[in-house]
């Protein structure tokens, strides 16, 4: 995704929990109005220069960050007792990332009942933290990509941060 689209078109990636109309079915003019409304409603800061310091991998993956959060969450939580959440693609992604990175995965504290929202939250917190390291202004934009239920879980548990090369491989896998 381009810098300008990330900064000026939050409707293109915000979770539907935060919007009052479906964005992608609107005309260009109505999308522009919706974007302006979201920027004002959520008080999203606009930079003096319309570029960000995000690594190209994050910019390119911006539209897929929810799927990337799911992948990182699967790598960060013990999901052995809930295999019904995992698709064959999820199992393949885990094997791919482990084979490519040869990293030891950091696991979150045990959660008695893992739900899909826990999995997304475990990955979302890593993505949001990573984005805020490179461009703090984009932190709020990245938070609104996730549902209200996921956002409530972000501060509830300790979710470890995977090494950067693991995040890169998940981005690569999701984007292919």
N, C-alpha and C. Protein backbone atom coordinates (compact mmCIF):
# COMPACT_ATOMS: atom_id res chain seq x y z
N UNK A 1 0.85 -1.17 0.00
CA UNK A 1 0.00 0.00 0.00
C UNK A 1 0.89 1.24 0.00
N UNK A 2 0.50 2.26 -0.67
CA UNK A 2 1.27 3.49 -0.76
C UNK A 2 1.12 4.32 0.51
N UNK A 3 2.12 5.17 0.79
CA UNK A 3 2.07 6.04 1.96
C UNK A 3 0.79 6.86 2.01
N UNK A 4 0.45 7.49 0.89
CA UNK A 4 -0.74 8.35 0.87
C UNK A 4 -2.01 7.57 1.18
N UNK A 5 -2.10 6.36 0.68
CA UNK A 5 -3.29 5.55 0.94
C UNK A 5 -3.36 5.18 2.42
N UNK A 6 -2.23 4.84 3.03
CA UNK A 6 -2.20 4.52 4.45
C UNK A 6 -2.63 5.74 5.27
N UNK A 7 -2.12 6.91 4.91
CA UNK A 7 -2.37 8.11 5.68
C UNK A 7 -3.75 8.72 5.42
N UNK A 8 -4.21 8.69 4.19
CA UNK A 8 -5.42 9.43 3.83
C UNK A 8 -6.64 8.57 3.54
N UNK A 9 -6.49 7.25 3.50
CA UNK A 9 -7.63 6.37 3.19
C UNK A 9 -7.84 5.30 4.26
N UNK A 10 -8.09 5.72 5.51
CA UNK A 10 -8.26 4.72 6.56
C UNK A 10 -9.46 3.80 6.32
N UNK A 11 -10.45 4.26 5.57
CA UNK A 11 -11.60 3.41 5.29
C UNK A 11 -11.24 2.16 4.51
N UNK A 12 -10.14 2.21 3.78
CA UNK A 12 -9.74 1.05 2.97
C UNK A 12 -9.19 -0.09 3.81
N UNK A 13 -8.83 0.17 5.07
CA UNK A 13 -8.27 -0.90 5.89
C UNK A 13 -8.83 -0.97 7.31
N UNK A 14 -9.61 0.01 7.76
CA UNK A 14 -10.20 -0.06 9.10
C UNK A 14 -11.14 -1.25 9.20
N UNK A 15 -11.23 -1.83 10.39
CA UNK A 15 -12.19 -2.90 10.64
C UNK A 15 -13.60 -2.31 10.59
N UNK A 16 -14.55 -3.08 10.11
CA UNK A 16 -15.91 -2.55 9.95
C UNK A 16 -16.56 -2.14 11.28
N UNK A 17 -16.03 -2.60 12.42
CA UNK A 17 -16.54 -2.16 13.73
C UNK A 17 -16.43 -0.65 13.90
N UNK A 18 -15.50 -0.03 13.21
CA UNK A 18 -15.20 1.39 13.40
C UNK A 18 -15.80 2.28 12.31
N UNK A 19 -16.58 1.71 11.43
CA UNK A 19 -17.15 2.49 10.33
C UNK A 19 -18.67 2.33 10.33
N UNK A 20 -19.35 3.38 9.90
CA UNK A 20 -20.81 3.31 9.89
C UNK A 20 -21.37 2.89 8.52
N UNK A 21 -20.52 2.80 7.52
CA UNK A 21 -20.95 2.37 6.18
C UNK A 21 -19.88 1.45 5.58
N UNK A 22 -20.31 0.48 4.77
CA UNK A 22 -19.31 -0.34 4.08
C UNK A 22 -18.54 0.51 3.07
N UNK A 23 -17.25 0.56 3.22
CA UNK A 23 -16.40 1.46 2.46
C UNK A 23 -16.26 1.06 0.99
N UNK A 24 -16.00 -0.20 0.75
CA UNK A 24 -15.61 -0.62 -0.60
C UNK A 24 -16.74 -0.57 -1.61
N UNK A 25 -17.98 -0.44 -1.17
CA UNK A 25 -19.09 -0.31 -2.10
C UNK A 25 -19.42 1.13 -2.45
N UNK A 26 -18.70 2.08 -1.86
CA UNK A 26 -18.99 3.50 -2.07
C UNK A 26 -18.30 4.03 -3.32
N UNK A 27 -18.84 5.11 -3.87
CA UNK A 27 -18.19 5.79 -4.99
C UNK A 27 -16.92 6.47 -4.48
N UNK A 28 -16.06 6.89 -5.39
CA UNK A 28 -14.82 7.57 -4.99
C UNK A 28 -15.08 8.80 -4.13
N UNK A 29 -16.09 9.57 -4.52
CA UNK A 29 -16.40 10.79 -3.77
C UNK A 29 -16.87 10.44 -2.35
N UNK A 30 -17.73 9.43 -2.22
CA UNK A 30 -18.21 9.04 -0.89
C UNK A 30 -17.09 8.40 -0.07
N UNK A 31 -16.17 7.69 -0.72
CA UNK A 31 -15.02 7.16 0.00
C UNK A 31 -14.17 8.29 0.57
N UNK A 32 -13.98 9.35 -0.21
CA UNK A 32 -13.20 10.50 0.27
C UNK A 32 -13.88 11.15 1.48
N UNK A 33 -15.20 11.27 1.42
CA UNK A 33 -15.95 11.83 2.56
C UNK A 33 -15.82 10.91 3.77
N UNK A 34 -15.96 9.61 3.55
CA UNK A 34 -15.82 8.64 4.65
C UNK A 34 -14.43 8.71 5.26
N UNK A 35 -13.40 8.81 4.43
CA UNK A 35 -12.03 8.90 4.94
C UNK A 35 -11.85 10.16 5.79
N UNK A 36 -12.34 11.28 5.32
CA UNK A 36 -12.23 12.52 6.08
C UNK A 36 -12.96 12.40 7.42
N UNK A 37 -14.13 11.78 7.39
CA UNK A 37 -14.91 11.55 8.61
C UNK A 37 -14.11 10.71 9.61
N UNK A 38 -13.50 9.61 9.13
CA UNK A 38 -12.73 8.74 10.02
C UNK A 38 -11.51 9.46 10.60
N UNK A 39 -10.83 10.23 9.77
CA UNK A 39 -9.65 10.98 10.23
C UNK A 39 -10.06 11.95 11.34
N UNK A 40 -11.19 12.62 11.17
CA UNK A 40 -11.66 13.56 12.19
C UNK A 40 -12.21 12.84 13.41
N UNK A 41 -13.03 11.82 13.21
CA UNK A 41 -13.66 11.11 14.33
C UNK A 41 -12.62 10.50 15.27
N UNK A 42 -11.62 9.85 14.70
CA UNK A 42 -10.62 9.17 15.51
C UNK A 42 -9.38 10.04 15.74
N UNK A 43 -9.44 11.29 15.33
CA UNK A 43 -8.35 12.26 15.52
C UNK A 43 -7.01 11.68 15.08
N UNK A 44 -7.01 11.15 13.86
CA UNK A 44 -5.80 10.56 13.31
C UNK A 44 -4.86 11.68 12.88
N UNK A 45 -3.66 11.69 13.40
CA UNK A 45 -2.74 12.78 13.04
C UNK A 45 -2.30 12.67 11.59
N UNK A 46 -2.12 13.81 10.98
CA UNK A 46 -1.59 13.87 9.63
C UNK A 46 -0.19 14.47 9.69
N UNK A 47 0.76 13.84 9.05
CA UNK A 47 2.14 14.32 9.11
C UNK A 47 2.35 15.55 8.22
N UNK A 48 3.47 16.21 8.47
CA UNK A 48 3.84 17.34 7.62
C UNK A 48 4.28 16.85 6.25
N UNK A 49 4.95 15.70 6.21
CA UNK A 49 5.33 15.10 4.94
C UNK A 49 4.54 13.81 4.78
N UNK A 50 4.11 13.55 3.59
CA UNK A 50 3.22 12.42 3.34
C UNK A 50 3.98 11.14 3.02
N UNK A 51 5.01 10.87 3.78
CA UNK A 51 5.72 9.60 3.67
C UNK A 51 5.93 9.08 5.08
N UNK A 52 6.12 7.80 5.21
CA UNK A 52 6.36 7.22 6.52
C UNK A 52 7.70 6.51 6.52
N UNK A 53 8.14 6.14 7.70
CA UNK A 53 9.42 5.46 7.85
C UNK A 53 9.26 3.94 7.93
N UNK A 54 8.10 3.45 7.56
CA UNK A 54 7.86 2.01 7.64
C UNK A 54 8.76 1.25 6.67
N UNK A 55 9.21 0.07 7.07
CA UNK A 55 9.95 -0.76 6.12
C UNK A 55 9.04 -1.14 4.95
N UNK A 56 9.61 -1.30 3.77
CA UNK A 56 8.79 -1.64 2.59
C UNK A 56 7.92 -2.88 2.81
N UNK A 57 8.42 -3.85 3.57
CA UNK A 57 7.67 -5.08 3.81
C UNK A 57 6.35 -4.78 4.53
N UNK A 58 6.36 -3.85 5.48
CA UNK A 58 5.14 -3.50 6.22
C UNK A 58 4.20 -2.69 5.32
N UNK A 59 4.76 -1.75 4.56
CA UNK A 59 3.92 -0.96 3.64
C UNK A 59 3.21 -1.87 2.64
N UNK A 60 3.98 -2.77 2.06
CA UNK A 60 3.43 -3.68 1.06
C UNK A 60 2.34 -4.57 1.67
N UNK A 61 2.50 -4.94 2.93
CA UNK A 61 1.59 -5.86 3.60
C UNK A 61 0.45 -5.17 4.33
N UNK A 62 0.39 -3.84 4.29
CA UNK A 62 -0.56 -3.08 5.12
C UNK A 62 -2.00 -3.59 4.99
N UNK A 63 -2.44 -3.89 3.81
CA UNK A 63 -3.80 -4.37 3.61
C UNK A 63 -4.05 -5.77 4.12
N UNK A 64 -2.98 -6.50 4.45
CA UNK A 64 -3.09 -7.88 4.94
C UNK A 64 -2.73 -8.01 6.42
N UNK A 65 -2.68 -6.91 7.15
CA UNK A 65 -2.18 -6.99 8.52
C UNK A 65 -3.06 -7.85 9.43
N UNK A 66 -4.36 -7.94 9.17
CA UNK A 66 -5.20 -8.82 10.00
C UNK A 66 -4.79 -10.28 9.80
N UNK A 67 -4.53 -10.67 8.54
CA UNK A 67 -4.10 -12.04 8.27
C UNK A 67 -2.71 -12.30 8.85
N UNK A 68 -1.86 -11.31 8.79
CA UNK A 68 -0.52 -11.44 9.36
C UNK A 68 -0.62 -11.57 10.88
N UNK A 69 -1.52 -10.81 11.49
CA UNK A 69 -1.73 -10.91 12.94
C UNK A 69 -2.19 -12.33 13.30
N UNK A 70 -3.06 -12.89 12.50
CA UNK A 70 -3.52 -14.27 12.74
C UNK A 70 -2.31 -15.22 12.70
N UNK A 71 -1.47 -15.08 11.68
CA UNK A 71 -0.30 -15.95 11.56
C UNK A 71 0.66 -15.79 12.73
N UNK A 72 0.94 -14.56 13.13
CA UNK A 72 1.83 -14.34 14.27
C UNK A 72 1.21 -14.88 15.55
N UNK A 73 -0.10 -14.72 15.69
CA UNK A 73 -0.78 -15.26 16.87
C UNK A 73 -0.69 -16.77 16.94
N UNK A 74 -0.83 -17.42 15.80
CA UNK A 74 -0.69 -18.89 15.77
C UNK A 74 0.70 -19.33 16.20
N UNK A 75 1.69 -18.51 15.89
CA UNK A 75 3.07 -18.84 16.26
C UNK A 75 3.37 -18.49 17.71
N UNK A 76 2.53 -17.67 18.35
CA UNK A 76 2.81 -17.17 19.69
C UNK A 76 1.97 -17.83 20.78
N UNK A 77 0.91 -18.50 20.41
CA UNK A 77 0.03 -19.15 21.39
C UNK A 77 0.06 -20.65 21.20
N UNK A 78 -0.15 -21.36 22.28
CA UNK A 78 -0.24 -22.80 22.22
C UNK A 78 -1.64 -23.17 21.72
N UNK A 79 -1.72 -23.59 20.50
CA UNK A 79 -3.02 -23.92 19.90
C UNK A 79 -3.19 -25.44 19.74
N UNK A 80 -2.37 -26.22 20.44
CA UNK A 80 -2.45 -27.67 20.28
C UNK A 80 -3.78 -28.23 20.78
N UNK A 81 -4.40 -27.57 21.75
CA UNK A 81 -5.67 -28.07 22.27
C UNK A 81 -6.88 -27.52 21.51
N UNK A 82 -6.64 -26.74 20.47
CA UNK A 82 -7.76 -26.23 19.65
C UNK A 82 -7.41 -26.31 18.16
N UNK A 83 -7.11 -27.51 17.67
CA UNK A 83 -6.71 -27.64 16.26
C UNK A 83 -7.83 -27.29 15.29
N UNK A 84 -9.07 -27.24 15.76
CA UNK A 84 -10.20 -26.92 14.89
C UNK A 84 -10.15 -25.47 14.41
N UNK A 85 -9.31 -24.62 15.02
CA UNK A 85 -9.14 -23.25 14.54
C UNK A 85 -8.21 -23.19 13.33
N UNK A 86 -7.41 -24.24 13.15
CA UNK A 86 -6.34 -24.19 12.16
C UNK A 86 -6.77 -24.79 10.83
N UNK A 87 -6.53 -24.04 9.79
CA UNK A 87 -6.78 -24.54 8.44
C UNK A 87 -5.50 -25.23 7.96
N UNK A 88 -5.57 -25.99 6.89
CA UNK A 88 -4.34 -26.57 6.32
C UNK A 88 -3.32 -25.48 5.97
N UNK A 89 -3.79 -24.32 5.51
CA UNK A 89 -2.87 -23.21 5.19
C UNK A 89 -2.16 -22.70 6.45
N UNK A 90 -2.85 -22.71 7.59
CA UNK A 90 -2.23 -22.28 8.84
C UNK A 90 -1.10 -23.23 9.24
N UNK A 91 -1.34 -24.52 9.10
CA UNK A 91 -0.32 -25.52 9.42
C UNK A 91 0.87 -25.37 8.47
N UNK A 92 0.59 -25.15 7.18
CA UNK A 92 1.65 -24.95 6.19
C UNK A 92 2.46 -23.69 6.49
N UNK A 93 1.78 -22.61 6.87
CA UNK A 93 2.47 -21.36 7.20
C UNK A 93 3.42 -21.57 8.37
N UNK A 94 2.97 -22.26 9.40
CA UNK A 94 3.81 -22.51 10.57
C UNK A 94 5.07 -23.30 10.17
N UNK A 95 4.89 -24.35 9.37
CA UNK A 95 6.04 -25.14 8.91
C UNK A 95 7.00 -24.28 8.09
N UNK A 96 6.44 -23.48 7.18
CA UNK A 96 7.25 -22.61 6.32
C UNK A 96 8.08 -21.64 7.15
N UNK A 97 7.44 -20.95 8.08
CA UNK A 97 8.15 -19.94 8.88
C UNK A 97 9.23 -20.60 9.73
N UNK A 98 8.91 -21.72 10.35
CA UNK A 98 9.90 -22.40 11.19
C UNK A 98 11.08 -22.90 10.35
N UNK A 99 10.81 -23.42 9.17
CA UNK A 99 11.89 -23.91 8.30
C UNK A 99 12.75 -22.77 7.78
N UNK A 100 12.12 -21.65 7.42
CA UNK A 100 12.84 -20.53 6.84
C UNK A 100 13.66 -19.73 7.85
N UNK A 101 13.16 -19.60 9.07
CA UNK A 101 13.82 -18.72 10.03
C UNK A 101 14.73 -19.45 11.00
N UNK A 102 14.44 -20.71 11.25
CA UNK A 102 15.18 -21.49 12.24
C UNK A 102 15.24 -20.75 13.58
N UNK A 103 14.17 -20.03 13.88
CA UNK A 103 14.09 -19.27 15.13
C UNK A 103 13.34 -20.07 16.17
N UNK A 104 13.69 -19.83 17.41
CA UNK A 104 12.92 -20.37 18.51
C UNK A 104 11.76 -19.41 18.73
N UNK A 105 10.56 -19.93 18.70
CA UNK A 105 9.40 -19.07 18.88
C UNK A 105 9.19 -18.77 20.36
N UNK A 106 8.81 -17.55 20.64
CA UNK A 106 8.50 -17.13 22.00
C UNK A 106 7.01 -17.38 22.21
N UNK A 107 6.67 -18.07 23.29
CA UNK A 107 5.28 -18.42 23.52
C UNK A 107 4.68 -17.54 24.61
N UNK A 108 3.41 -17.22 24.44
CA UNK A 108 2.68 -16.41 25.41
C UNK A 108 2.39 -17.23 26.65
N UNK A 109 2.01 -16.53 27.71
CA UNK A 109 1.57 -17.23 28.92
C UNK A 109 0.38 -18.11 28.55
N UNK A 110 0.19 -19.17 29.31
CA UNK A 110 -0.92 -20.09 29.03
C UNK A 110 -2.24 -19.36 29.22
N UNK A 111 -3.11 -19.50 28.26
CA UNK A 111 -4.46 -18.96 28.34
C UNK A 111 -5.38 -20.16 28.42
N UNK A 112 -6.25 -20.17 29.43
CA UNK A 112 -7.07 -21.36 29.64
C UNK A 112 -7.96 -21.68 28.44
N UNK A 113 -8.55 -20.69 27.85
CA UNK A 113 -9.39 -20.90 26.68
C UNK A 113 -8.93 -19.97 25.57
N UNK A 114 -8.33 -20.54 24.56
CA UNK A 114 -7.86 -19.75 23.42
C UNK A 114 -9.01 -19.62 22.43
N UNK A 115 -9.30 -18.39 22.06
CA UNK A 115 -10.34 -18.12 21.06
C UNK A 115 -9.67 -17.52 19.82
N UNK A 116 -10.37 -17.46 18.71
CA UNK A 116 -9.79 -16.78 17.54
C UNK A 116 -9.40 -15.33 17.84
N UNK A 117 -10.15 -14.64 18.69
CA UNK A 117 -9.79 -13.27 19.04
C UNK A 117 -8.47 -13.21 19.81
N UNK A 118 -8.20 -14.21 20.67
CA UNK A 118 -6.91 -14.27 21.36
C UNK A 118 -5.77 -14.44 20.36
N UNK A 119 -6.00 -15.28 19.37
CA UNK A 119 -4.96 -15.53 18.36
C UNK A 119 -4.66 -14.24 17.59
N UNK A 120 -5.71 -13.55 17.15
CA UNK A 120 -5.50 -12.30 16.42
C UNK A 120 -4.84 -11.26 17.33
N UNK A 121 -5.28 -11.17 18.59
CA UNK A 121 -4.70 -10.18 19.51
C UNK A 121 -3.22 -10.44 19.76
N UNK A 122 -2.84 -11.72 19.86
CA UNK A 122 -1.42 -12.05 20.07
C UNK A 122 -0.56 -11.56 18.92
N UNK A 123 -1.08 -11.63 17.71
CA UNK A 123 -0.35 -11.11 16.55
C UNK A 123 -0.49 -9.61 16.40
N UNK A 124 -1.67 -9.09 16.70
CA UNK A 124 -1.92 -7.64 16.54
C UNK A 124 -1.01 -6.82 17.42
N UNK A 125 -0.81 -7.25 18.66
CA UNK A 125 0.04 -6.47 19.56
C UNK A 125 1.47 -6.40 19.02
N UNK A 126 1.93 -7.45 18.39
CA UNK A 126 3.27 -7.45 17.80
C UNK A 126 3.36 -6.50 16.62
N UNK A 127 2.35 -6.52 15.77
CA UNK A 127 2.34 -5.65 14.59
C UNK A 127 2.24 -4.19 15.00
N UNK A 128 1.34 -3.89 15.93
CA UNK A 128 1.15 -2.51 16.37
C UNK A 128 2.43 -1.98 17.01
N UNK A 129 3.07 -2.80 17.85
CA UNK A 129 4.34 -2.37 18.46
C UNK A 129 5.42 -2.14 17.41
N UNK A 130 5.49 -3.01 16.43
CA UNK A 130 6.49 -2.87 15.37
C UNK A 130 6.24 -1.60 14.56
N UNK A 131 5.01 -1.36 14.20
CA UNK A 131 4.67 -0.15 13.44
C UNK A 131 5.00 1.09 14.24
N UNK A 132 4.69 1.09 15.54
CA UNK A 132 4.95 2.29 16.35
C UNK A 132 6.44 2.54 16.54
N UNK A 133 7.27 1.51 16.42
CA UNK A 133 8.72 1.71 16.48
C UNK A 133 9.21 2.53 15.29
N UNK A 134 8.66 2.24 14.12
CA UNK A 134 9.10 2.92 12.90
C UNK A 134 8.38 4.24 12.66
N UNK A 135 7.11 4.30 13.02
CA UNK A 135 6.33 5.52 12.77
C UNK A 135 5.21 5.61 13.80
N UNK A 136 5.48 6.25 14.94
CA UNK A 136 4.48 6.32 16.02
C UNK A 136 3.13 6.89 15.58
N UNK A 137 3.13 7.75 14.57
CA UNK A 137 1.90 8.35 14.10
C UNK A 137 0.95 7.31 13.51
N UNK A 138 1.48 6.20 13.05
CA UNK A 138 0.63 5.18 12.43
C UNK A 138 0.08 4.18 13.44
N UNK A 139 0.47 4.30 14.70
CA UNK A 139 0.00 3.35 15.71
C UNK A 139 -1.52 3.33 15.79
N UNK A 140 -2.15 4.49 15.90
CA UNK A 140 -3.61 4.52 16.02
C UNK A 140 -4.28 3.97 14.77
N UNK A 141 -3.72 4.25 13.61
CA UNK A 141 -4.30 3.71 12.38
C UNK A 141 -4.24 2.19 12.38
N UNK A 142 -3.13 1.63 12.84
CA UNK A 142 -3.01 0.18 12.85
C UNK A 142 -3.93 -0.46 13.88
N UNK A 143 -4.18 0.21 15.00
CA UNK A 143 -5.08 -0.35 16.02
C UNK A 143 -6.51 -0.50 15.49
N UNK A 144 -6.95 0.45 14.67
CA UNK A 144 -8.32 0.41 14.16
C UNK A 144 -8.53 -0.63 13.06
N UNK A 145 -7.49 -1.35 12.70
CA UNK A 145 -7.65 -2.45 11.74
C UNK A 145 -8.32 -3.65 12.39
N UNK A 146 -8.36 -3.64 13.71
CA UNK A 146 -8.83 -4.81 14.45
C UNK A 146 -10.18 -4.52 15.12
N UNK A 147 -10.94 -5.57 15.32
CA UNK A 147 -12.27 -5.43 15.91
C UNK A 147 -12.18 -4.91 17.34
N UNK A 148 -13.31 -4.45 17.85
CA UNK A 148 -13.35 -3.98 19.24
C UNK A 148 -13.02 -5.10 20.21
N UNK A 149 -13.47 -6.33 19.93
CA UNK A 149 -13.16 -7.46 20.82
C UNK A 149 -11.66 -7.72 20.88
N UNK A 150 -11.00 -7.66 19.74
CA UNK A 150 -9.55 -7.87 19.71
C UNK A 150 -8.84 -6.73 20.42
N UNK A 151 -9.27 -5.51 20.18
CA UNK A 151 -8.63 -4.35 20.81
C UNK A 151 -8.73 -4.42 22.34
N UNK A 152 -9.86 -4.94 22.85
CA UNK A 152 -9.99 -5.08 24.31
C UNK A 152 -9.00 -6.09 24.88
N UNK A 153 -8.62 -7.08 24.09
CA UNK A 153 -7.68 -8.10 24.56
C UNK A 153 -6.21 -7.65 24.50
N UNK A 154 -5.91 -6.59 23.78
CA UNK A 154 -4.52 -6.21 23.55
C UNK A 154 -3.74 -6.00 24.84
N UNK A 155 -4.35 -5.43 25.85
CA UNK A 155 -3.63 -5.20 27.10
C UNK A 155 -3.91 -6.24 28.17
N UNK A 156 -4.68 -7.27 27.85
CA UNK A 156 -5.13 -8.24 28.85
C UNK A 156 -4.10 -9.31 29.19
N UNK A 157 -3.26 -9.64 28.25
CA UNK A 157 -2.31 -10.73 28.43
C UNK A 157 -0.94 -10.29 27.96
N UNK A 158 0.07 -11.01 28.42
CA UNK A 158 1.41 -10.77 27.90
C UNK A 158 1.55 -11.61 26.63
N UNK A 159 1.74 -10.93 25.53
CA UNK A 159 1.99 -11.61 24.26
C UNK A 159 3.42 -11.29 23.86
N UNK A 160 4.28 -12.31 23.75
CA UNK A 160 5.69 -12.05 23.40
C UNK A 160 5.83 -11.55 21.97
N UNK A 161 6.92 -10.87 21.74
CA UNK A 161 7.22 -10.36 20.39
C UNK A 161 8.17 -11.34 19.72
N UNK A 162 7.76 -11.81 18.54
CA UNK A 162 8.61 -12.71 17.78
C UNK A 162 9.74 -11.91 17.15
N UNK A 163 10.86 -12.57 16.86
CA UNK A 163 11.96 -11.88 16.17
C UNK A 163 11.49 -11.29 14.84
N UNK A 164 12.15 -10.23 14.43
CA UNK A 164 11.75 -9.52 13.21
C UNK A 164 11.75 -10.43 11.99
N UNK A 165 12.71 -11.35 11.92
CA UNK A 165 12.75 -12.24 10.75
C UNK A 165 11.52 -13.15 10.69
N UNK A 166 10.95 -13.48 11.83
CA UNK A 166 9.72 -14.28 11.85
C UNK A 166 8.56 -13.45 11.30
N UNK A 167 8.48 -12.19 11.74
CA UNK A 167 7.43 -11.28 11.24
C UNK A 167 7.56 -11.14 9.72
N UNK A 168 8.78 -10.96 9.24
CA UNK A 168 9.01 -10.84 7.79
C UNK A 168 8.53 -12.07 7.04
N UNK A 169 8.83 -13.24 7.57
CA UNK A 169 8.44 -14.48 6.88
C UNK A 169 6.93 -14.66 6.88
N UNK A 170 6.26 -14.27 7.96
CA UNK A 170 4.80 -14.36 7.98
C UNK A 170 4.22 -13.39 6.95
N UNK A 171 4.77 -12.17 6.88
CA UNK A 171 4.32 -11.20 5.86
C UNK A 171 4.51 -11.77 4.46
N UNK A 172 5.67 -12.36 4.23
CA UNK A 172 5.97 -12.94 2.92
C UNK A 172 4.99 -14.06 2.60
N UNK A 173 4.74 -14.93 3.56
CA UNK A 173 3.85 -16.06 3.34
C UNK A 173 2.43 -15.58 3.03
N UNK A 174 1.93 -14.64 3.81
CA UNK A 174 0.57 -14.14 3.62
C UNK A 174 0.45 -13.41 2.28
N UNK A 175 1.49 -12.69 1.88
CA UNK A 175 1.45 -11.89 0.66
C UNK A 175 1.65 -12.65 -0.62
N UNK A 176 2.02 -13.92 -0.54
CA UNK A 176 2.30 -14.64 -1.80
C UNK A 176 1.07 -15.19 -2.46
